[in-house]
Amino acid sequence: MFTPHRKRLAVSTLLGAALLAVPVTAHATAAAPTAAPASAQVSAAAVGLDDPVKKDIAMQIVSSAENSSLNWKAQYKYIEDIDDGRGYTAGIIGFCSGTHDMLELVEYYTQIKPGNVLAKYLPALRKVDGSDSHAGLDPNFTKDWVKAASDSAFKKAQDHERDRVYFNPAVKQGKADGVGVLGQFTYYDAIVMHGDGDDSTSFRNIRKRALTKAKPPAQGGNETTWLNAFLDARVWAMKQEEAHSDTSRVDTAQRVWLKKGNLNLNTPLDWKVYGDPFHIG
């Protein structure tokens, strides 16, 4: 079952100049002792959301909210119009025909595999970009998307664009802010839904809103206090749009782990999204 609580506003810009200059290890704080054992320093630096095990956990959690399933690898073929004003939503991260990222995905797929089954839709995708129109896509685009999803090159293209546009920028900003795996995940989930455009509910502006209430560890703040401020700003952003107004992916998931002090997002994990329970052992 696919939920209607999906996707973000236009995503034309990646994180860049806004990133803080000095990265900090995953659990560093202003009060961290300077004489920590070398082994502890290596361990802290080595584990981030980009650790393969943690990344898979992140994908499962996002899929629980985006697709009501932990089986994120089954979502390469997913495509539907969920009537949120963004046209077709599809793939492992909810690429949308109306928010530019689907166009960039198909362009990249065509670069690595010219003549693929979706290449013929590029002119139409360029025309509908920024709207909810299906002009030039119907009636066969959805069928061809499913067909493309059986191609390993298309799966790799989806992975590539997920990482380039969403995952890597979120993790980079999280490490720069000095937050651990949970914090990096809260950033990732936010950028997946809201994108990083210039609108008031984009990821960068959620972060700016949080900065008016608290400071991240890299600026001398407490990690838990900072993440609570970020989640408060995230909830505000979600409530600005009816399609995102159910905030359970924050309230009964991320906030639960934060209250438990699970800053490293260690398993087992139990949470609910839209009332549905999930578990990762």
C-alpha atoms as a PDB file:
ATOM      1  CA  MET A   1       0.000   0.000   0.000  1.00  0.00           C
ATOM      2  CA  PHE A   2       1.380   3.375  -0.975  1.00  0.00           C
ATOM      3  CA  THR A   3       0.787   6.342   1.261  1.00  0.00           C
ATOM      4  CA  PRO A   4      -0.183   9.801  -0.012  1.00  0.00           C
ATOM      5  CA  HIS A   5       2.232  11.575   2.328  1.00  0.00           C
ATOM      6  CA  ARG A   6       5.059  11.890  -0.108  1.00  0.00           C
ATOM      7  CA  LYS A   7       7.465  14.200  -1.787  1.00  0.00           C
ATOM      8  CA  ARG A   8       8.753  17.702  -1.662  1.00  0.00           C
ATOM      9  CA  LEU A   9       8.768  21.017  -3.438  1.00  0.00           C
ATOM     10  CA  ALA A  10      11.084  21.845  -6.345  1.00  0.00           C
ATOM     11  CA  VAL A  11      14.613  20.534  -5.898  1.00  0.00           C
ATOM     12  CA  SER A  12      16.707  22.614  -8.263  1.00  0.00           C
ATOM     13  CA  THR A  13      19.678  23.280  -5.968  1.00  0.00           C
ATOM     14  CA  LEU A  14      22.088  21.030  -4.084  1.00  0.00           C
ATOM     15  CA  LEU A  15      23.732  21.768  -0.777  1.00  0.00           C
ATOM     16  CA  GLY A  16      26.925  23.663  -1.415  1.00  0.00           C
ATOM     17  CA  ALA A  17      28.108  26.943  -0.048  1.00  0.00           C
ATOM     18  CA  ALA A  18      25.873  26.605   2.968  1.00  0.00           C
ATOM     19  CA  LEU A  19      27.894  23.677   4.279  1.00  0.00           C
ATOM     20  CA  LEU A  20      30.008  24.455   7.274  1.00  0.00           C
ATOM     21  CA  ALA A  21      33.690  24.353   6.551  1.00  0.00           C
ATOM     22  CA  VAL A  22      34.953  22.109   9.353  1.00  0.00           C
ATOM     23  CA  PRO A  23      33.598  18.541   9.556  1.00  0.00           C
ATOM     24  CA  VAL A  24      33.317  17.022  13.016  1.00  0.00           C
ATOM     25  CA  THR A  25      33.255  13.366  14.018  1.00  0.00           C
ATOM     26  CA  ALA A  26      29.883  11.796  14.473  1.00  0.00           C
ATOM     27  CA  HIS A  27      29.567  12.255  18.231  1.00  0.00           C
ATOM     28  CA  ALA A  28      31.794  15.265  18.849  1.00  0.00           C
ATOM     29  CA  THR A  29      30.487  18.074  21.054  1.00  0.00           C
ATOM     30  CA  ALA A  30      31.955  21.260  22.429  1.00  0.00           C
ATOM     31  CA  ALA A  31      32.649  19.509  25.719  1.00  0.00           C
ATOM     32  CA  ALA A  32      34.331  16.455  24.217  1.00  0.00           C
ATOM     33  CA  PRO A  33      37.574  15.529  25.984  1.00  0.00           C
ATOM     34  CA  THR A  34      40.698  16.233  23.976  1.00  0.00           C
ATOM     35  CA  ALA A  35      42.476  13.138  25.213  1.00  0.00           C
ATOM     36  CA  ALA A  36      40.028  10.505  23.955  1.00  0.00           C
ATOM     37  CA  PRO A  37      41.671   7.165  23.158  1.00  0.00           C
ATOM     38  CA  ALA A  38      42.774   6.820  19.555  1.00  0.00           C
ATOM     39  CA  SER A  39      40.596   3.736  19.108  1.00  0.00           C
ATOM     40  CA  ALA A  40      37.504   5.658  20.196  1.00  0.00           C
ATOM     41  CA  GLN A  41      38.320   8.489  17.797  1.00  0.00           C
ATOM     42  CA  VAL A  42      38.665   6.070  14.899  1.00  0.00           C
ATOM     43  CA  SER A  43      35.384   4.361  15.796  1.00  0.00           C
ATOM     44  CA  ALA A  44      33.475   7.644  15.993  1.00  0.00           C
ATOM     45  CA  ALA A  45      34.879   8.875  12.693  1.00  0.00           C
ATOM     46  CA  ALA A  46      34.231   5.588  10.908  1.00  0.00           C
ATOM     47  CA  VAL A  47      30.505   5.264  11.552  1.00  0.00           C
ATOM     48  CA  GLY A  48      28.126   7.547   9.718  1.00  0.00           C
ATOM     49  CA  LEU A  49      24.897   7.133   7.794  1.00  0.00           C
ATOM     50  CA  ASP A  50      27.085   6.373   4.781  1.00  0.00           C
ATOM     51  CA  ASP A  51      28.205   3.139   6.444  1.00  0.00           C
ATOM     52  CA  PRO A  52      26.608   0.449   4.222  1.00  0.00           C
ATOM     53  CA  VAL A  53      24.641  -1.136   7.070  1.00  0.00           C
ATOM     54  CA  LYS A  54      23.382   2.226   8.335  1.00  0.00           C
ATOM     55  CA  LYS A  55      22.531   3.339   4.810  1.00  0.00           C
ATOM     56  CA  ASP A  56      20.387   0.262   4.258  1.00  0.00           C
ATOM     57  CA  ILE A  57      18.600   0.963   7.543  1.00  0.00           C
ATOM     58  CA  ALA A  58      17.991   4.532   6.390  1.00  0.00           C
ATOM     59  CA  MET A  59      16.502   3.319   3.125  1.00  0.00           C
ATOM     60  CA  GLN A  60      14.196   0.937   4.976  1.00  0.00           C
ATOM     61  CA  ILE A  61      12.974   3.680   7.319  1.00  0.00           C
ATOM     62  CA  VAL A  62      12.299   6.102   4.475  1.00  0.00           C
ATOM     63  CA  SER A  63      10.505   3.360   2.549  1.00  0.00           C
ATOM     64  CA  SER A  64       8.266   2.713   5.552  1.00  0.00           C
ATOM     65  CA  ALA A  65       6.996   6.282   5.211  1.00  0.00           C
ATOM     66  CA  GLU A  66       7.128   6.616   1.437  1.00  0.00           C
ATOM     67  CA  ASN A  67       5.840   3.171   0.495  1.00  0.00           C
ATOM     68  CA  SER A  68       4.486   1.542   3.691  1.00  0.00           C
ATOM     69  CA  SER A  69       7.098  -1.190   3.287  1.00  0.00           C
ATOM     70  CA  LEU A  70      10.641  -1.911   4.475  1.00  0.00           C
ATOM     71  CA  ASN A  71      11.430  -3.515   1.115  1.00  0.00           C
ATOM     72  CA  TRP A  72      12.931  -0.434  -0.505  1.00  0.00           C
ATOM     73  CA  LYS A  73      14.547  -2.448  -3.290  1.00  0.00           C
ATOM     74  CA  ALA A  74      11.081  -3.337  -4.570  1.00  0.00           C
ATOM     75  CA  GLN A  75      10.409   0.354  -5.252  1.00  0.00           C
ATOM     76  CA  TYR A  76      12.556   0.850  -8.360  1.00  0.00           C
ATOM     77  CA  LYS A  77       9.451  -0.023 -10.401  1.00  0.00           C
ATOM     78  CA  TYR A  78       6.993   2.029  -8.330  1.00  0.00           C
ATOM     79  CA  ILE A  79       5.171   4.816 -10.175  1.00  0.00           C
ATOM     80  CA  GLU A  80       1.864   6.620  -9.674  1.00  0.00           C
ATOM     81  CA  ASP A  81       0.321  10.066  -9.543  1.00  0.00           C
ATOM     82  CA  ILE A  82      -0.616  10.624  -5.899  1.00  0.00           C
ATOM     83  CA  ASP A  83      -2.462  13.866  -6.675  1.00  0.00           C
ATOM     84  CA  ASP A  84      -0.067  16.135  -4.793  1.00  0.00           C
ATOM     85  CA  GLY A  85       0.515  18.530  -7.675  1.00  0.00           C
ATOM     86  CA  ARG A  86       3.873  17.001  -8.619  1.00  0.00           C
ATOM     87  CA  GLY A  87       2.825  14.758 -11.482  1.00  0.00           C
ATOM     88  CA  TYR A  88       4.128  11.205 -11.404  1.00  0.00           C
ATOM     89  CA  THR A  89       6.009  10.052  -8.304  1.00  0.00           C
ATOM     90  CA  ALA A  90       8.280   7.088  -8.888  1.00  0.00           C
ATOM     91  CA  GLY A  91      11.261   5.002  -7.889  1.00  0.00           C
ATOM     92  CA  ILE A  92      13.184   4.400  -4.698  1.00  0.00           C
ATOM     93  CA  ILE A  93      13.115   7.995  -3.517  1.00  0.00           C
ATOM     94  CA  GLY A  94       9.978   9.391  -5.096  1.00  0.00           C
ATOM     95  CA  PHE A  95      11.389  11.106  -8.175  1.00  0.00           C
ATOM     96  CA  CYS A  96       8.693  13.425  -9.550  1.00  0.00           C
ATOM     97  CA  SER A  97       7.921  14.505 -13.090  1.00  0.00           C
ATOM     98  CA  GLY A  98       7.004  17.935 -11.754  1.00  0.00           C
ATOM     99  CA  THR A  99      10.052  18.600  -9.559  1.00  0.00           C
ATOM    100  CA  HIS A 100      12.963  18.220 -11.986  1.00  0.00           C
ATOM    101  CA  ASP A 101      14.583  15.207 -10.334  1.00  0.00           C
ATOM    102  CA  MET A 102      12.784  12.674 -12.549  1.00  0.00           C
ATOM    103  CA  LEU A 103      13.969  14.571 -15.615  1.00  0.00           C
ATOM    104  CA  GLU A 104      17.543  14.532 -14.330  1.00  0.00           C
ATOM    105  CA  LEU A 105      17.253  10.813 -13.584  1.00  0.00           C
ATOM    106  CA  VAL A 106      16.092   9.931 -17.095  1.00  0.00           C
ATOM    107  CA  GLU A 107      18.754  12.225 -18.586  1.00  0.00           C
ATOM    108  CA  TYR A 108      21.444  10.439 -16.576  1.00  0.00           C
ATOM    109  CA  TYR A 109      20.022   7.020 -17.473  1.00  0.00           C
ATOM    110  CA  THR A 110      20.159   7.997 -21.128  1.00  0.00           C
ATOM    111  CA  GLN A 111      23.776   9.133 -20.762  1.00  0.00           C
ATOM    112  CA  ILE A 112      24.833   5.740 -19.444  1.00  0.00           C
ATOM    113  CA  LYS A 113      22.479   3.763 -21.691  1.00  0.00           C
ATOM    114  CA  PRO A 114      21.458   5.601 -24.871  1.00  0.00           C
ATOM    115  CA  GLY A 115      18.310   4.379 -26.544  1.00  0.00           C
ATOM    116  CA  ASN A 116      16.734   3.066 -23.356  1.00  0.00           C
ATOM    117  CA  VAL A 117      12.966   2.621 -23.110  1.00  0.00           C
ATOM    118  CA  LEU A 118      12.494   5.974 -21.310  1.00  0.00           C
ATOM    119  CA  ALA A 119      14.707   8.118 -23.533  1.00  0.00           C
ATOM    120  CA  LYS A 120      11.846   8.912 -25.902  1.00  0.00           C
ATOM    121  CA  TYR A 121      10.037  10.694 -23.052  1.00  0.00           C
ATOM    122  CA  LEU A 122      12.752  13.276 -22.456  1.00  0.00           C
ATOM    123  CA  PRO A 123      11.069  16.019 -24.545  1.00  0.00           C
ATOM    124  CA  ALA A 124       7.804  15.492 -22.654  1.00  0.00           C
ATOM    125  CA  LEU A 125       9.555  15.428 -19.276  1.00  0.00           C
ATOM    126  CA  ARG A 126      11.198  18.746 -20.083  1.00  0.00           C
ATOM    127  CA  LYS A 127       7.816  20.258 -20.987  1.00  0.00           C
ATOM    128  CA  VAL A 128       5.956  19.033 -17.885  1.00  0.00           C
ATOM    129  CA  ASP A 129       8.782  19.891 -15.474  1.00  0.00           C
ATOM    130  CA  GLY A 130       7.386  22.193 -12.801  1.00  0.00           C
ATOM    131  CA  SER A 131       3.789  21.098 -13.316  1.00  0.00           C
ATOM    132  CA  ASP A 132       1.476  18.171 -12.619  1.00  0.00           C
ATOM    133  CA  SER A 133       0.813  17.574 -16.326  1.00  0.00           C
ATOM    134  CA  HIS A 134       1.057  14.155 -17.957  1.00  0.00           C
ATOM    135  CA  ALA A 135       1.188  15.658 -21.440  1.00  0.00           C
ATOM    136  CA  GLY A 136       3.321  13.500 -23.725  1.00  0.00           C
ATOM    137  CA  LEU A 137       3.741  10.838 -21.032  1.00  0.00           C
ATOM    138  CA  ASP A 138       0.426   9.012 -21.135  1.00  0.00           C
ATOM    139  CA  PRO A 139      -0.623   6.357 -21.861  1.00  0.00           C
ATOM    140  CA  ASN A 140       2.544   4.242 -21.816  1.00  0.00           C
ATOM    141  CA  PHE A 141       5.045   6.056 -19.586  1.00  0.00           C
ATOM    142  CA  THR A 142       4.113   4.117 -16.452  1.00  0.00           C
ATOM    143  CA  LYS A 143       4.376   0.782 -18.274  1.00  0.00           C
ATOM    144  CA  ASP A 144       7.755   1.734 -19.706  1.00  0.00           C
ATOM    145  CA  TRP A 145       8.977   2.851 -16.273  1.00  0.00           C
ATOM    146  CA  VAL A 146       8.168  -0.592 -14.883  1.00  0.00           C
ATOM    147  CA  LYS A 147       9.923  -2.153 -17.869  1.00  0.00           C
ATOM    148  CA  ALA A 148      12.994   0.024 -17.297  1.00  0.00           C
ATOM    149  CA  ALA A 149      13.094  -1.025 -13.650  1.00  0.00           C
ATOM    150  CA  SER A 150      14.101  -4.530 -14.705  1.00  0.00           C
ATOM    151  CA  ASP A 151      17.281  -3.032 -16.188  1.00  0.00           C
ATOM    152  CA  SER A 152      20.236  -3.010 -13.798  1.00  0.00           C
ATOM    153  CA  ALA A 153      21.489   0.190 -15.440  1.00  0.00           C
ATOM    154  CA  PHE A 154      18.262   1.969 -14.486  1.00  0.00           C
ATOM    155  CA  LYS A 155      18.541   0.754 -10.902  1.00  0.00           C
ATOM    156  CA  LYS A 156      22.100   2.063 -10.791  1.00  0.00           C
ATOM    157  CA  ALA A 157      20.895   5.365 -12.232  1.00  0.00           C
ATOM    158  CA  GLN A 158      18.287   5.672  -9.481  1.00  0.00           C
ATOM    159  CA  ASP A 159      20.940   4.892  -6.847  1.00  0.00           C
ATOM    160  CA  HIS A 160      23.264   7.461  -8.379  1.00  0.00           C
ATOM    161  CA  GLU A 161      20.699  10.257  -8.421  1.00  0.00           C
ATOM    162  CA  ARG A 162      19.448   9.416  -4.923  1.00  0.00           C
ATOM    163  CA  ASP A 163      22.990   9.771  -3.624  1.00  0.00           C
ATOM    164  CA  ARG A 164      23.904  12.842  -5.649  1.00  0.00           C
ATOM    165  CA  VAL A 165      20.786  14.875  -4.959  1.00  0.00           C
ATOM    166  CA  TYR A 166      19.679  13.691  -1.525  1.00  0.00           C
ATOM    167  CA  PHE A 167      21.797  11.246   0.440  1.00  0.00           C
ATOM    168  CA  ASN A 168      25.313  12.622   0.021  1.00  0.00           C
ATOM    169  CA  PRO A 169      24.379  16.288   0.640  1.00  0.00           C
ATOM    170  CA  ALA A 170      22.417  15.322   3.770  1.00  0.00           C
ATOM    171  CA  VAL A 171      25.250  13.231   5.190  1.00  0.00           C
ATOM    172  CA  LYS A 172      27.825  15.893   4.324  1.00  0.00           C
ATOM    173  CA  GLN A 173      25.826  18.582   6.121  1.00  0.00           C
ATOM    174  CA  GLY A 174      25.215  16.271   9.072  1.00  0.00           C
ATOM    175  CA  LYS A 175      28.918  15.562   9.482  1.00  0.00           C
ATOM    176  CA  ALA A 176      29.712  19.257   9.113  1.00  0.00           C
ATOM    177  CA  ASP A 177      27.186  20.011  11.864  1.00  0.00           C
ATOM    178  CA  GLY A 178      28.767  17.374  14.108  1.00  0.00           C
ATOM    179  CA  VAL A 179      25.711  15.151  14.426  1.00  0.00           C
ATOM    180  CA  GLY A 180      25.735  11.370  14.530  1.00  0.00           C
ATOM    181  CA  VAL A 181      23.894   8.776  12.481  1.00  0.00           C
ATOM    182  CA  LEU A 182      20.425   9.684  13.753  1.00  0.00           C
ATOM    183  CA  GLY A 183      21.028  13.350  13.024  1.00  0.00           C
ATOM    184  CA  GLN A 184      22.294  12.565   9.555  1.00  0.00           C
ATOM    185  CA  PHE A 185      19.158  10.501   9.004  1.00  0.00           C
ATOM    186  CA  THR A 186      16.864  13.328  10.126  1.00  0.00           C
ATOM    187  CA  TYR A 187      18.567  15.522   7.523  1.00  0.00           C
ATOM    188  CA  TYR A 188      18.195  12.862   4.845  1.00  0.00           C
ATOM    189  CA  ASP A 189      14.521  12.263   5.526  1.00  0.00           C
ATOM    190  CA  ALA A 190      13.901  16.007   5.424  1.00  0.00           C
ATOM    191  CA  ILE A 191      15.686  16.565   2.112  1.00  0.00           C
ATOM    192  CA  VAL A 192      13.861  13.576   0.585  1.00  0.00           C
ATOM    193  CA  MET A 193      10.493  15.126   1.392  1.00  0.00           C
ATOM    194  CA  HIS A 194      11.218  18.830   1.043  1.00  0.00           C
ATOM    195  CA  GLY A 195      14.157  19.052  -1.347  1.00  0.00           C
ATOM    196  CA  ASP A 196      16.747  21.794  -1.063  1.00  0.00           C
ATOM    197  CA  GLY A 197      15.270  24.593  -3.125  1.00  0.00           C
ATOM    198  CA  ASP A 198      14.763  28.212  -2.138  1.00  0.00           C
ATOM    199  CA  ASP A 199      11.216  27.905  -0.797  1.00  0.00           C
ATOM    200  CA  SER A 200      10.579  28.367   2.923  1.00  0.00           C
ATOM    201  CA  THR A 201       9.998  24.666   3.576  1.00  0.00           C
ATOM    202  CA  SER A 202      13.138  23.403   1.839  1.00  0.00           C
ATOM    203  CA  PHE A 203      15.829  21.538   3.770  1.00  0.00           C
ATOM    204  CA  ARG A 204      18.204  24.478   3.966  1.00  0.00           C
ATOM    205  CA  ASN A 205      15.470  26.741   5.296  1.00  0.00           C
ATOM    206  CA  ILE A 206      14.306  24.146   7.814  1.00  0.00           C
ATOM    207  CA  ARG A 207      17.874  24.127   9.070  1.00  0.00           C
ATOM    208  CA  LYS A 208      17.989  27.942   9.143  1.00  0.00           C
ATOM    209  CA  ARG A 209      14.761  27.974  11.144  1.00  0.00           C
ATOM    210  CA  ALA A 210      16.297  25.539  13.645  1.00  0.00           C
ATOM    211  CA  LEU A 211      19.376  27.772  13.956  1.00  0.00           C
ATOM    212  CA  THR A 212      17.187  30.503  15.447  1.00  0.00           C
ATOM    213  CA  LYS A 213      16.452  28.157  18.374  1.00  0.00           C
ATOM    214  CA  ALA A 214      19.633  26.131  18.907  1.00  0.00           C
ATOM    215  CA  LYS A 215      23.163  25.443  17.691  1.00  0.00           C
ATOM    216  CA  PRO A 216      24.530  22.202  16.240  1.00  0.00           C
ATOM    217  CA  PRO A 217      27.445  20.482  18.019  1.00  0.00           C
ATOM    218  CA  ALA A 218      29.943  21.941  15.540  1.00  0.00           C
ATOM    219  CA  GLN A 219      28.938  25.399  16.795  1.00  0.00           C
ATOM    220  CA  GLY A 220      29.138  24.409  20.457  1.00  0.00           C
ATOM    221  CA  GLY A 221      25.559  23.211  20.895  1.00  0.00           C
ATOM    222  CA  ASN A 222      24.149  20.076  22.472  1.00  0.00           C
ATOM    223  CA  GLU A 223      23.325  17.379  19.902  1.00  0.00           C
ATOM    224  CA  THR A 224      19.974  16.368  21.392  1.00  0.00           C
ATOM    225  CA  THR A 225      18.859  19.986  21.838  1.00  0.00           C
ATOM    226  CA  TRP A 226      19.847  20.761  18.259  1.00  0.00           C
ATOM    227  CA  LEU A 227      18.053  17.767  16.787  1.00  0.00           C
ATOM    228  CA  ASN A 228      14.897  18.600  18.726  1.00  0.00           C
ATOM    229  CA  ALA A 229      15.041  22.120  17.286  1.00  0.00           C
ATOM    230  CA  PHE A 230      15.570  20.718  13.796  1.00  0.00           C
ATOM    231  CA  LEU A 231      12.634  18.331  14.158  1.00  0.00           C
ATOM    232  CA  ASP A 232      10.455  21.169  15.457  1.00  0.00           C
ATOM    233  CA  ALA A 233      11.321  23.149  12.320  1.00  0.00           C
ATOM    234  CA  ARG A 234      10.688  20.069  10.184  1.00  0.00           C
ATOM    235  CA  VAL A 235       7.228  19.570  11.694  1.00  0.00           C
ATOM    236  CA  TRP A 236       6.433  23.222  10.998  1.00  0.00           C
ATOM    237  CA  ALA A 237       7.450  22.749   7.359  1.00  0.00           C
ATOM    238  CA  MET A 238       5.366  19.594   6.993  1.00  0.00           C
ATOM    239  CA  LYS A 239       2.267  21.335   8.319  1.00  0.00           C
ATOM    240  CA  GLN A 240       2.508  24.000   5.626  1.00  0.00           C
ATOM    241  CA  GLU A 241       1.197  21.513   3.069  1.00  0.00           C
ATOM    242  CA  GLU A 242      -1.793  19.209   3.364  1.00  0.00           C
ATOM    243  CA  ALA A 243      -0.012  16.305   1.649  1.00  0.00           C
ATOM    244  CA  HIS A 244       2.668  16.355   4.356  1.00  0.00           C
ATOM    245  CA  SER A 245       0.527  17.312   7.343  1.00  0.00           C
ATOM    246  CA  ASP A 246       0.692  13.893   9.000  1.00  0.00           C
ATOM    247  CA  THR A 247       3.911  14.230  11.018  1.00  0.00           C
ATOM    248  CA  SER A 248       4.073  10.692  12.379  1.00  0.00           C
ATOM    249  CA  ARG A 249       7.328   9.945  10.538  1.00  0.00           C
ATOM    250  CA  VAL A 250       8.815  12.473  12.965  1.00  0.00           C
ATOM    251  CA  ASP A 251       6.587  12.063  16.036  1.00  0.00           C
ATOM    252  CA  THR A 252       6.450   8.268  16.279  1.00  0.00           C
ATOM    253  CA  ALA A 253       9.785   7.474  14.658  1.00  0.00           C
ATOM    254  CA  GLN A 254      12.658   9.972  14.722  1.00  0.00           C
ATOM    255  CA  ARG A 255      11.539  11.720  17.911  1.00  0.00           C
ATOM    256  CA  VAL A 256      11.169   8.352  19.669  1.00  0.00           C
ATOM    257  CA  TRP A 257      14.764   7.385  18.915  1.00  0.00           C
ATOM    258  CA  LEU A 258      15.994  10.815  19.951  1.00  0.00           C
ATOM    259  CA  LYS A 259      14.196  10.597  23.306  1.00  0.00           C
ATOM    260  CA  LYS A 260      15.813   7.202  23.871  1.00  0.00           C
ATOM    261  CA  GLY A 261      19.220   8.729  23.193  1.00  0.00           C
ATOM    262  CA  ASN A 262      19.816   6.433  20.231  1.00  0.00           C
ATOM    263  CA  LEU A 263      22.012   8.964  18.427  1.00  0.00           C
ATOM    264  CA  ASN A 264      23.787   6.203  16.523  1.00  0.00           C
ATOM    265  CA  LEU A 265      20.525   4.698  15.203  1.00  0.00           C
ATOM    266  CA  ASN A 266      21.430   1.299  16.593  1.00  0.00           C
ATOM    267  CA  THR A 267      19.137  -1.690  16.108  1.00  0.00           C
ATOM    268  CA  PRO A 268      16.728  -3.002  17.191  1.00  0.00           C
ATOM    269  CA  LEU A 269      14.480  -0.183  16.015  1.00  0.00           C
ATOM    270  CA  ASP A 270      10.732   0.016  16.511  1.00  0.00           C
ATOM    271  CA  TRP A 271       8.531   2.810  15.176  1.00  0.00           C
ATOM    272  CA  LYS A 272       5.193   3.673  13.639  1.00  0.00           C
ATOM    273  CA  VAL A 273       4.331   5.650  10.523  1.00  0.00           C
ATOM    274  CA  TYR A 274       0.709   6.610   9.842  1.00  0.00           C
ATOM    275  CA  GLY A 275      -0.220   4.153  12.587  1.00  0.00           C
ATOM    276  CA  ASP A 276       1.545   1.172  10.992  1.00  0.00           C
ATOM    277  CA  PRO A 277       4.199  -0.531  13.176  1.00  0.00           C
ATOM    278  CA  PHE A 278       7.666  -1.391  11.813  1.00  0.00           C
ATOM    279  CA  HIS A 279      10.656  -3.215  13.244  1.00  0.00           C
ATOM    280  CA  ILE A 280      14.291  -3.691  12.266  1.00  0.00           C
ATOM    281  CA  GLY A 281      16.054  -6.254  14.425  1.00  0.00           C
END
